[in-house]
Amino acid sequence: MSLDDVRAAIDRIDDQIVALLAQRQAQVETAATFKADDAAVRAPDRRAALLARVRDRAVEEGVHPDVVAATYTAMVDAFIALELGERRTRGS
């Protein structure tokens, strides 16, 4: 196996991750319809529970939990920003 082979495998995995992010965004958009205000969007208790859950899953899967937590923190921050921006655009 060469470095090019490894990079091609990583590219295929990245394609799957992007597809999963699209699915996650669709669910975030659906969840947004149930939220009454910005506090519900930020949902710090839900965020803390999610991060704890994915850290546990990371350990189960053999992934460093700090990598997973950092990835999820960035992803959740981005989805919250998207959702808040859409709320402001709609005037909610």
PDB file of N, CA and C in Angstrom:
ATOM      1  N   MET A   1       0.852  -1.179   0.000  1.00  0.00           N
ATOM      2  CA  MET A   1       0.000   0.000   0.000  1.00  0.00           C
ATOM      3  C   MET A   1       0.897   1.242   0.000  1.00  0.00           C
ATOM      4  N   SER A   2       0.509   2.231  -0.762  1.00  0.00           N
ATOM      5  CA  SER A   2       1.297   3.463  -0.873  1.00  0.00           C
ATOM      6  C   SER A   2       0.567   4.608  -0.168  1.00  0.00           C
ATOM      7  N   LEU A   3       1.251   5.730  -0.044  1.00  0.00           N
ATOM      8  CA  LEU A   3       0.633   6.922   0.522  1.00  0.00           C
ATOM      9  C   LEU A   3      -0.562   7.356  -0.324  1.00  0.00           C
ATOM     10  N   ASP A   4      -0.451   7.240  -1.643  1.00  0.00           N
ATOM     11  CA  ASP A   4      -1.579   7.588  -2.518  1.00  0.00           C
ATOM     12  C   ASP A   4      -2.782   6.694  -2.239  1.00  0.00           C
ATOM     13  N   ASP A   5      -2.540   5.418  -1.983  1.00  0.00           N
ATOM     14  CA  ASP A   5      -3.638   4.496  -1.654  1.00  0.00           C
ATOM     15  C   ASP A   5      -4.318   4.903  -0.342  1.00  0.00           C
ATOM     16  N   VAL A   6      -3.503   5.248   0.637  1.00  0.00           N
ATOM     17  CA  VAL A   6      -4.046   5.669   1.929  1.00  0.00           C
ATOM     18  C   VAL A   6      -4.852   6.955   1.757  1.00  0.00           C
ATOM     19  N   ARG A   7      -4.322   7.891   0.990  1.00  0.00           N
ATOM     20  CA  ARG A   7      -5.048   9.150   0.761  1.00  0.00           C
ATOM     21  C   ARG A   7      -6.357   8.911   0.016  1.00  0.00           C
ATOM     22  N   ALA A   8      -6.354   7.995  -0.922  1.00  0.00           N
ATOM     23  CA  ALA A   8      -7.590   7.668  -1.644  1.00  0.00           C
ATOM     24  C   ALA A   8      -8.616   7.057  -0.688  1.00  0.00           C
ATOM     25  N   ALA A   9      -8.155   6.218   0.217  1.00  0.00           N
ATOM     26  CA  ALA A   9      -9.060   5.627   1.211  1.00  0.00           C
ATOM     27  C   ALA A   9      -9.626   6.716   2.126  1.00  0.00           C
ATOM     28  N   ILE A  10      -8.781   7.643   2.531  1.00  0.00           N
ATOM     29  CA  ILE A  10      -9.242   8.756   3.367  1.00  0.00           C
ATOM     30  C   ILE A  10     -10.262   9.592   2.607  1.00  0.00           C
ATOM     31  N   ASP A  11     -10.031   9.837   1.329  1.00  0.00           N
ATOM     32  CA  ASP A  11     -10.989  10.596   0.516  1.00  0.00           C
ATOM     33  C   ASP A  11     -12.346   9.896   0.468  1.00  0.00           C
ATOM     34  N   ARG A  12     -12.335   8.585   0.348  1.00  0.00           N
ATOM     35  CA  ARG A  12     -13.604   7.833   0.322  1.00  0.00           C
ATOM     36  C   ARG A  12     -14.327   7.953   1.667  1.00  0.00           C
ATOM     37  N   ILE A  13     -13.570   7.890   2.747  1.00  0.00           N
ATOM     38  CA  ILE A  13     -14.163   8.058   4.076  1.00  0.00           C
ATOM     39  C   ILE A  13     -14.724   9.469   4.214  1.00  0.00           C
ATOM     40  N   ASP A  14     -13.973  10.468   3.754  1.00  0.00           N
ATOM     41  CA  ASP A  14     -14.446  11.861   3.826  1.00  0.00           C
ATOM     42  C   ASP A  14     -15.746  12.032   3.049  1.00  0.00           C
ATOM     43  N   ASP A  15     -15.864  11.370   1.905  1.00  0.00           N
ATOM     44  CA  ASP A  15     -17.112  11.437   1.138  1.00  0.00           C
ATOM     45  C   ASP A  15     -18.277  10.885   1.964  1.00  0.00           C
ATOM     46  N   GLN A  16     -18.045   9.812   2.690  1.00  0.00           N
ATOM     47  CA  GLN A  16     -19.086   9.231   3.542  1.00  0.00           C
ATOM     48  C   GLN A  16     -19.435  10.172   4.691  1.00  0.00           C
ATOM     49  N   ILE A  17     -18.426  10.803   5.267  1.00  0.00           N
ATOM     50  CA  ILE A  17     -18.669  11.741   6.367  1.00  0.00           C
ATOM     51  C   ILE A  17     -19.512  12.917   5.885  1.00  0.00           C
ATOM     52  N   VAL A  18     -19.205  13.453   4.702  1.00  0.00           N
ATOM     53  CA  VAL A  18     -19.990  14.575   4.165  1.00  0.00           C
ATOM     54  C   VAL A  18     -21.440  14.147   3.934  1.00  0.00           C
ATOM     55  N   ALA A  19     -21.642  12.954   3.416  1.00  0.00           N
ATOM     56  CA  ALA A  19     -23.004  12.454   3.211  1.00  0.00           C
ATOM     57  C   ALA A  19     -23.737  12.329   4.552  1.00  0.00           C
ATOM     58  N   LEU A  20     -23.046  11.862   5.571  1.00  0.00           N
ATOM     59  CA  LEU A  20     -23.654  11.757   6.899  1.00  0.00           C
ATOM     60  C   LEU A  20     -23.947  13.135   7.489  1.00  0.00           C
ATOM     61  N   LEU A  21     -23.071  14.100   7.233  1.00  0.00           N
ATOM     62  CA  LEU A  21     -23.340  15.467   7.690  1.00  0.00           C
ATOM     63  C   LEU A  21     -24.592  16.037   7.029  1.00  0.00           C
ATOM     64  N   ALA A  22     -24.802  15.707   5.774  1.00  0.00           N
ATOM     65  CA  ALA A  22     -26.021  16.162   5.092  1.00  0.00           C
ATOM     66  C   ALA A  22     -27.250  15.560   5.769  1.00  0.00           C
ATOM     67  N   GLN A  23     -27.165  14.295   6.139  1.00  0.00           N
ATOM     68  CA  GLN A  23     -28.277  13.657   6.849  1.00  0.00           C
ATOM     69  C   GLN A  23     -28.486  14.302   8.218  1.00  0.00           C
ATOM     70  N   ARG A  24     -27.391  14.596   8.899  1.00  0.00           N
ATOM     71  CA  ARG A  24     -27.492  15.224  10.217  1.00  0.00           C
ATOM     72  C   ARG A  24     -28.107  16.612  10.087  1.00  0.00           C
ATOM     73  N   GLN A  25     -27.692  17.374   9.076  1.00  0.00           N
ATOM     74  CA  GLN A  25     -28.257  18.704   8.877  1.00  0.00           C
ATOM     75  C   GLN A  25     -29.759  18.627   8.651  1.00  0.00           C
ATOM     76  N   ALA A  26     -30.208  17.663   7.900  1.00  0.00           N
ATOM     77  CA  ALA A  26     -31.649  17.516   7.670  1.00  0.00           C
ATOM     78  C   ALA A  26     -32.382  17.284   8.995  1.00  0.00           C
ATOM     79  N   GLN A  27     -31.802  16.497   9.877  1.00  0.00           N
ATOM     80  CA  GLN A  27     -32.423  16.253  11.176  1.00  0.00           C
ATOM     81  C   GLN A  27     -32.375  17.509  12.059  1.00  0.00           C
ATOM     82  N   VAL A  28     -31.275  18.241  11.996  1.00  0.00           N
ATOM     83  CA  VAL A  28     -31.161  19.502  12.741  1.00  0.00           C
ATOM     84  C   VAL A  28     -32.247  20.466  12.263  1.00  0.00           C
ATOM     85  N   GLU A  29     -32.452  20.536  10.961  1.00  0.00           N
ATOM     86  CA  GLU A  29     -33.475  21.424  10.411  1.00  0.00           C
ATOM     87  C   GLU A  29     -34.866  21.016  10.879  1.00  0.00           C
ATOM     88  N   THR A  30     -35.118  19.722  10.955  1.00  0.00           N
ATOM     89  CA  THR A  30     -36.407  19.247  11.462  1.00  0.00           C
ATOM     90  C   THR A  30     -36.550  19.575  12.939  1.00  0.00           C
ATOM     91  N   ALA A  31     -35.493  19.337  13.712  1.00  0.00           N
ATOM     92  CA  ALA A  31     -35.537  19.640  15.146  1.00  0.00           C
ATOM     93  C   ALA A  31     -35.799  21.125  15.377  1.00  0.00           C
ATOM     94  N   ALA A  32     -35.280  21.963  14.506  1.00  0.00           N
ATOM     95  CA  ALA A  32     -35.445  23.417  14.661  1.00  0.00           C
ATOM     96  C   ALA A  32     -36.915  23.819  14.665  1.00  0.00           C
ATOM     97  N   THR A  33     -37.745  23.063  13.985  1.00  0.00           N
ATOM     98  CA  THR A  33     -39.167  23.408  13.929  1.00  0.00           C
ATOM     99  C   THR A  33     -39.853  23.238  15.283  1.00  0.00           C
ATOM    100  N   PHE A  34     -39.218  22.519  16.195  1.00  0.00           N
ATOM    101  CA  PHE A  34     -39.785  22.294  17.524  1.00  0.00           C
ATOM    102  C   PHE A  34     -39.254  23.283  18.561  1.00  0.00           C
ATOM    103  N   LYS A  35     -38.314  24.124  18.186  1.00  0.00           N
ATOM    104  CA  LYS A  35     -37.641  25.001  19.148  1.00  0.00           C
ATOM    105  C   LYS A  35     -38.252  26.390  19.118  1.00  0.00           C
ATOM    106  N   ALA A  36     -38.585  26.877  20.317  1.00  0.00           N
ATOM    107  CA  ALA A  36     -39.308  28.138  20.421  1.00  0.00           C
ATOM    108  C   ALA A  36     -38.405  29.366  20.431  1.00  0.00           C
ATOM    109  N   ASP A  37     -37.139  29.208  20.846  1.00  0.00           N
ATOM    110  CA  ASP A  37     -36.289  30.385  20.981  1.00  0.00           C
ATOM    111  C   ASP A  37     -34.813  30.003  20.861  1.00  0.00           C
ATOM    112  N   ASP A  38     -33.944  31.023  20.923  1.00  0.00           N
ATOM    113  CA  ASP A  38     -32.507  30.799  20.781  1.00  0.00           C
ATOM    114  C   ASP A  38     -31.950  29.902  21.882  1.00  0.00           C
ATOM    115  N   ALA A  39     -32.497  30.011  23.086  1.00  0.00           N
ATOM    116  CA  ALA A  39     -32.025  29.164  24.188  1.00  0.00           C
ATOM    117  C   ALA A  39     -32.257  27.694  23.881  1.00  0.00           C
ATOM    118  N   ALA A  40     -33.375  27.403  23.243  1.00  0.00           N
ATOM    119  CA  ALA A  40     -33.662  26.012  22.863  1.00  0.00           C
ATOM    120  C   ALA A  40     -32.709  25.536  21.777  1.00  0.00           C
ATOM    121  N   VAL A  41     -32.265  26.440  20.928  1.00  0.00           N
ATOM    122  CA  VAL A  41     -31.292  26.090  19.900  1.00  0.00           C
ATOM    123  C   VAL A  41     -29.951  25.768  20.559  1.00  0.00           C
ATOM    124  N   ARG A  42     -29.534  26.618  21.479  1.00  0.00           N
ATOM    125  CA  ARG A  42     -28.226  26.411  22.135  1.00  0.00           C
ATOM    126  C   ARG A  42     -28.237  25.174  23.029  1.00  0.00           C
ATOM    127  N   ALA A  43     -29.299  24.923  23.730  1.00  0.00           N
ATOM    128  CA  ALA A  43     -29.541  23.722  24.544  1.00  0.00           C
ATOM    129  C   ALA A  43     -28.273  23.181  25.219  1.00  0.00           C
ATOM    130  N   PRO A  44     -27.720  23.924  26.178  1.00  0.00           N
ATOM    131  CA  PRO A  44     -26.459  23.499  26.785  1.00  0.00           C
ATOM    132  C   PRO A  44     -26.516  22.126  27.453  1.00  0.00           C
ATOM    133  N   ASP A  45     -27.644  21.762  28.043  1.00  0.00           N
ATOM    134  CA  ASP A  45     -27.742  20.441  28.669  1.00  0.00           C
ATOM    135  C   ASP A  45     -27.681  19.337  27.617  1.00  0.00           C
ATOM    136  N   ARG A  46     -28.372  19.539  26.508  1.00  0.00           N
ATOM    137  CA  ARG A  46     -28.351  18.564  25.409  1.00  0.00           C
ATOM    138  C   ARG A  46     -26.937  18.469  24.843  1.00  0.00           C
ATOM    139  N   ARG A  47     -26.289  19.611  24.680  1.00  0.00           N
ATOM    140  CA  ARG A  47     -24.924  19.644  24.158  1.00  0.00           C
ATOM    141  C   ARG A  47     -23.979  18.850  25.059  1.00  0.00           C
ATOM    142  N   ALA A  48     -24.062  19.081  26.361  1.00  0.00           N
ATOM    143  CA  ALA A  48     -23.193  18.364  27.306  1.00  0.00           C
ATOM    144  C   ALA A  48     -23.452  16.865  27.255  1.00  0.00           C
ATOM    145  N   ALA A  49     -24.717  16.478  27.182  1.00  0.00           N
ATOM    146  CA  ALA A  49     -25.056  15.056  27.110  1.00  0.00           C
ATOM    147  C   ALA A  49     -24.535  14.434  25.812  1.00  0.00           C
ATOM    148  N   LEU A  50     -24.667  15.163  24.713  1.00  0.00           N
ATOM    149  CA  LEU A  50     -24.173  14.677  23.422  1.00  0.00           C
ATOM    150  C   LEU A  50     -22.664  14.469  23.470  1.00  0.00           C
ATOM    151  N   LEU A  51     -21.944  15.457  23.991  1.00  0.00           N
ATOM    152  CA  LEU A  51     -20.487  15.334  24.044  1.00  0.00           C
ATOM    153  C   LEU A  51     -20.055  14.180  24.941  1.00  0.00           C
ATOM    154  N   ALA A  52     -20.736  13.984  26.048  1.00  0.00           N
ATOM    155  CA  ALA A  52     -20.415  12.843  26.917  1.00  0.00           C
ATOM    156  C   ALA A  52     -20.677  11.525  26.186  1.00  0.00           C
ATOM    157  N   ARG A  53     -21.798  11.470  25.476  1.00  0.00           N
ATOM    158  CA  ARG A  53     -22.155  10.239  24.757  1.00  0.00           C
ATOM    159  C   ARG A  53     -21.148   9.916  23.666  1.00  0.00           C
ATOM    160  N   VAL A  54     -20.755  10.917  22.880  1.00  0.00           N
ATOM    161  CA  VAL A  54     -19.827  10.627  21.785  1.00  0.00           C
ATOM    162  C   VAL A  54     -18.420  10.335  22.301  1.00  0.00           C
ATOM    163  N   ARG A  55     -18.051  10.901  23.447  1.00  0.00           N
ATOM    164  CA  ARG A  55     -16.762  10.541  24.042  1.00  0.00           C
ATOM    165  C   ARG A  55     -16.777   9.060  24.438  1.00  0.00           C
ATOM    166  N   ASP A  56     -17.868   8.614  25.027  1.00  0.00           N
ATOM    167  CA  ASP A  56     -17.988   7.190  25.380  1.00  0.00           C
ATOM    168  C   ASP A  56     -17.930   6.313  24.136  1.00  0.00           C
ATOM    169  N   ARG A  57     -18.636   6.715  23.095  1.00  0.00           N
ATOM    170  CA  ARG A  57     -18.628   5.946  21.829  1.00  0.00           C
ATOM    171  C   ARG A  57     -17.228   5.924  21.238  1.00  0.00           C
ATOM    172  N   ALA A  58     -16.513   7.020  21.346  1.00  0.00           N
ATOM    173  CA  ALA A  58     -15.148   7.078  20.820  1.00  0.00           C
ATOM    174  C   ALA A  58     -14.285   6.012  21.487  1.00  0.00           C
ATOM    175  N   VAL A  59     -14.382   5.924  22.794  1.00  0.00           N
ATOM    176  CA  VAL A  59     -13.602   4.915  23.517  1.00  0.00           C
ATOM    177  C   VAL A  59     -13.978   3.518  23.036  1.00  0.00           C
ATOM    178  N   GLU A  60     -15.278   3.271  22.881  1.00  0.00           N
ATOM    179  CA  GLU A  60     -15.746   1.960  22.402  1.00  0.00           C
ATOM    180  C   GLU A  60     -15.203   1.639  21.015  1.00  0.00           C
ATOM    181  N   GLU A  61     -15.076   2.666  20.175  1.00  0.00           N
ATOM    182  CA  GLU A  61     -14.638   2.463  18.789  1.00  0.00           C
ATOM    183  C   GLU A  61     -13.118   2.545  18.624  1.00  0.00           C
ATOM    184  N   GLY A  62     -12.413   2.899  19.693  1.00  0.00           N
ATOM    185  CA  GLY A  62     -10.960   2.998  19.603  1.00  0.00           C
ATOM    186  C   GLY A  62     -10.458   4.291  18.987  1.00  0.00           C
ATOM    187  N   VAL A  63     -11.281   5.335  19.069  1.00  0.00           N
ATOM    188  CA  VAL A  63     -10.902   6.653  18.563  1.00  0.00           C
ATOM    189  C   VAL A  63     -10.574   7.511  19.784  1.00  0.00           C
ATOM    190  N   HIS A  64      -9.564   8.345  19.672  1.00  0.00           N
ATOM    191  CA  HIS A  64      -9.208   9.186  20.808  1.00  0.00           C
ATOM    192  C   HIS A  64     -10.381  10.100  21.138  1.00  0.00           C
ATOM    193  N   PRO A  65     -10.881  10.071  22.376  1.00  0.00           N
ATOM    194  CA  PRO A  65     -12.065  10.860  22.718  1.00  0.00           C
ATOM    195  C   PRO A  65     -11.865  12.367  22.568  1.00  0.00           C
ATOM    196  N   ASP A  66     -10.630  12.856  22.720  1.00  0.00           N
ATOM    197  CA  ASP A  66     -10.403  14.294  22.532  1.00  0.00           C
ATOM    198  C   ASP A  66     -10.592  14.706  21.077  1.00  0.00           C
ATOM    199  N   VAL A  67     -10.219  13.825  20.147  1.00  0.00           N
ATOM    200  CA  VAL A  67     -10.425  14.111  18.723  1.00  0.00           C
ATOM    201  C   VAL A  67     -11.917  14.161  18.423  1.00  0.00           C
ATOM    202  N   VAL A  68     -12.646  13.197  18.943  1.00  0.00           N
ATOM    203  CA  VAL A  68     -14.091  13.157  18.708  1.00  0.00           C
ATOM    204  C   VAL A  68     -14.761  14.367  19.358  1.00  0.00           C
ATOM    205  N   ALA A  69     -14.378  14.701  20.584  1.00  0.00           N
ATOM    206  CA  ALA A  69     -14.985  15.843  21.266  1.00  0.00           C
ATOM    207  C   ALA A  69     -14.702  17.144  20.516  1.00  0.00           C
ATOM    208  N   ALA A  70     -13.475  17.312  20.037  1.00  0.00           N
ATOM    209  CA  ALA A  70     -13.143  18.532  19.285  1.00  0.00           C
ATOM    210  C   ALA A  70     -13.922  18.596  17.980  1.00  0.00           C
ATOM    211  N   THR A  71     -14.045  17.463  17.312  1.00  0.00           N
ATOM    212  CA  THR A  71     -14.792  17.411  16.053  1.00  0.00           C
ATOM    213  C   THR A  71     -16.257  17.742  16.292  1.00  0.00           C
ATOM    214  N   TYR A  72     -16.842  17.128  17.312  1.00  0.00           N
ATOM    215  CA  TYR A  72     -18.246  17.379  17.610  1.00  0.00           C
ATOM    216  C   TYR A  72     -18.479  18.802  18.102  1.00  0.00           C
ATOM    217  N   THR A  73     -17.561  19.339  18.867  1.00  0.00           N
ATOM    218  CA  THR A  73     -17.705  20.723  19.326  1.00  0.00           C
ATOM    219  C   THR A  73     -17.762  21.662  18.128  1.00  0.00           C
ATOM    220  N   ALA A  74     -16.854  21.480  17.187  1.00  0.00           N
ATOM    221  CA  ALA A  74     -16.860  22.320  15.985  1.00  0.00           C
ATOM    222  C   ALA A  74     -18.131  22.119  15.175  1.00  0.00           C
ATOM    223  N   MET A  75     -18.558  20.861  15.025  1.00  0.00           N
ATOM    224  CA  MET A  75     -19.752  20.573  14.237  1.00  0.00           C
ATOM    225  C   MET A  75     -20.997  21.168  14.898  1.00  0.00           C
ATOM    226  N   VAL A  76     -21.147  20.959  16.199  1.00  0.00           N
ATOM    227  CA  VAL A  76     -22.318  21.477  16.902  1.00  0.00           C
ATOM    228  C   VAL A  76     -22.324  23.002  16.861  1.00  0.00           C
ATOM    229  N   ASP A  77     -21.167  23.617  17.070  1.00  0.00           N
ATOM    230  CA  ASP A  77     -21.090  25.077  16.977  1.00  0.00           C
ATOM    231  C   ASP A  77     -21.550  25.560  15.603  1.00  0.00           C
ATOM    232  N   ALA A  78     -21.117  24.873  14.555  1.00  0.00           N
ATOM    233  CA  ALA A  78     -21.487  25.267  13.191  1.00  0.00           C
ATOM    234  C   ALA A  78     -22.984  25.083  12.954  1.00  0.00           C
ATOM    235  N   PHE A  79     -23.549  23.987  13.436  1.00  0.00           N
ATOM    236  CA  PHE A  79     -24.987  23.775  13.246  1.00  0.00           C
ATOM    237  C   PHE A  79     -25.805  24.761  14.071  1.00  0.00           C
ATOM    238  N   ILE A  80     -25.340  25.098  15.280  1.00  0.00           N
ATOM    239  CA  ILE A  80     -26.043  26.104  16.084  1.00  0.00           C
ATOM    240  C   ILE A  80     -26.014  27.455  15.367  1.00  0.00           C
ATOM    241  N   ALA A  81     -24.856  27.828  14.855  1.00  0.00           N
ATOM    242  CA  ALA A  81     -24.748  29.097  14.121  1.00  0.00           C
ATOM    243  C   ALA A  81     -25.678  29.099  12.909  1.00  0.00           C
ATOM    244  N   LEU A  82     -25.726  28.002  12.191  1.00  0.00           N
ATOM    245  CA  LEU A  82     -26.617  27.895  11.038  1.00  0.00           C
ATOM    246  C   LEU A  82     -28.067  28.060  11.461  1.00  0.00           C
ATOM    247  N   GLU A  83     -28.436  27.348  12.511  1.00  0.00           N
ATOM    248  CA  GLU A  83     -29.820  27.386  12.982  1.00  0.00           C
ATOM    249  C   GLU A  83     -30.194  28.780  13.495  1.00  0.00           C
ATOM    250  N   LEU A  84     -29.302  29.402  14.246  1.00  0.00           N
ATOM    251  CA  LEU A  84     -29.587  30.756  14.735  1.00  0.00           C
ATOM    252  C   LEU A  84     -29.689  31.745  13.579  1.00  0.00           C
ATOM    253  N   GLY A  85     -28.812  31.603  12.591  1.00  0.00           N
ATOM    254  CA  GLY A  85     -28.873  32.471  11.419  1.00  0.00           C
ATOM    255  C   GLY A  85     -30.186  32.316  10.666  1.00  0.00           C
ATOM    256  N   GLU A  86     -30.636  31.088  10.529  1.00  0.00           N
ATOM    257  CA  GLU A  86     -31.900  30.858   9.836  1.00  0.00           C
ATOM    258  C   GLU A  86     -33.079  31.420  10.637  1.00  0.00           C
ATOM    259  N   ARG A  87     -33.006  31.315  11.977  1.00  0.00           N
ATOM    260  CA  ARG A  87     -34.066  31.888  12.814  1.00  0.00           C
ATOM    261  C   ARG A  87     -34.141  33.408  12.593  1.00  0.00           C
ATOM    262  N   ARG A  88     -32.976  34.044  12.522  1.00  0.00           N
ATOM    263  CA  ARG A  88     -32.958  35.495  12.335  1.00  0.00           C
ATOM    264  C   ARG A  88     -33.475  35.879  10.946  1.00  0.00           C
ATOM    265  N   THR A  89     -33.122  35.079   9.953  1.00  0.00           N
ATOM    266  CA  THR A  89     -33.592  35.337   8.589  1.00  0.00           C
ATOM    267  C   THR A  89     -35.119  35.231   8.516  1.00  0.00           C
ATOM    268  N   ARG A  90     -35.652  34.228   9.210  1.00  0.00           N
ATOM    269  CA  ARG A  90     -37.117  34.027   9.245  1.00  0.00           C
ATOM    270  C   ARG A  90     -37.826  35.011  10.148  1.00  0.00           C
ATOM    271  N   GLY A  91     -37.029  35.683  11.027  1.00  0.00           N
ATOM    272  CA  GLY A  91     -37.634  36.604  11.977  1.00  0.00           C
ATOM    273  C   GLY A  91     -38.258  35.912  13.159  1.00  0.00           C
ATOM    274  N   SER A  92     -37.787  34.693  13.460  1.00  0.00           N
ATOM    275  CA  SER A  92     -38.336  33.935  14.587  1.00  0.00           C
ATOM    276  C   SER A  92     -37.791  34.408  15.903  1.00  0.00           C
TER     277      SER A  92
END
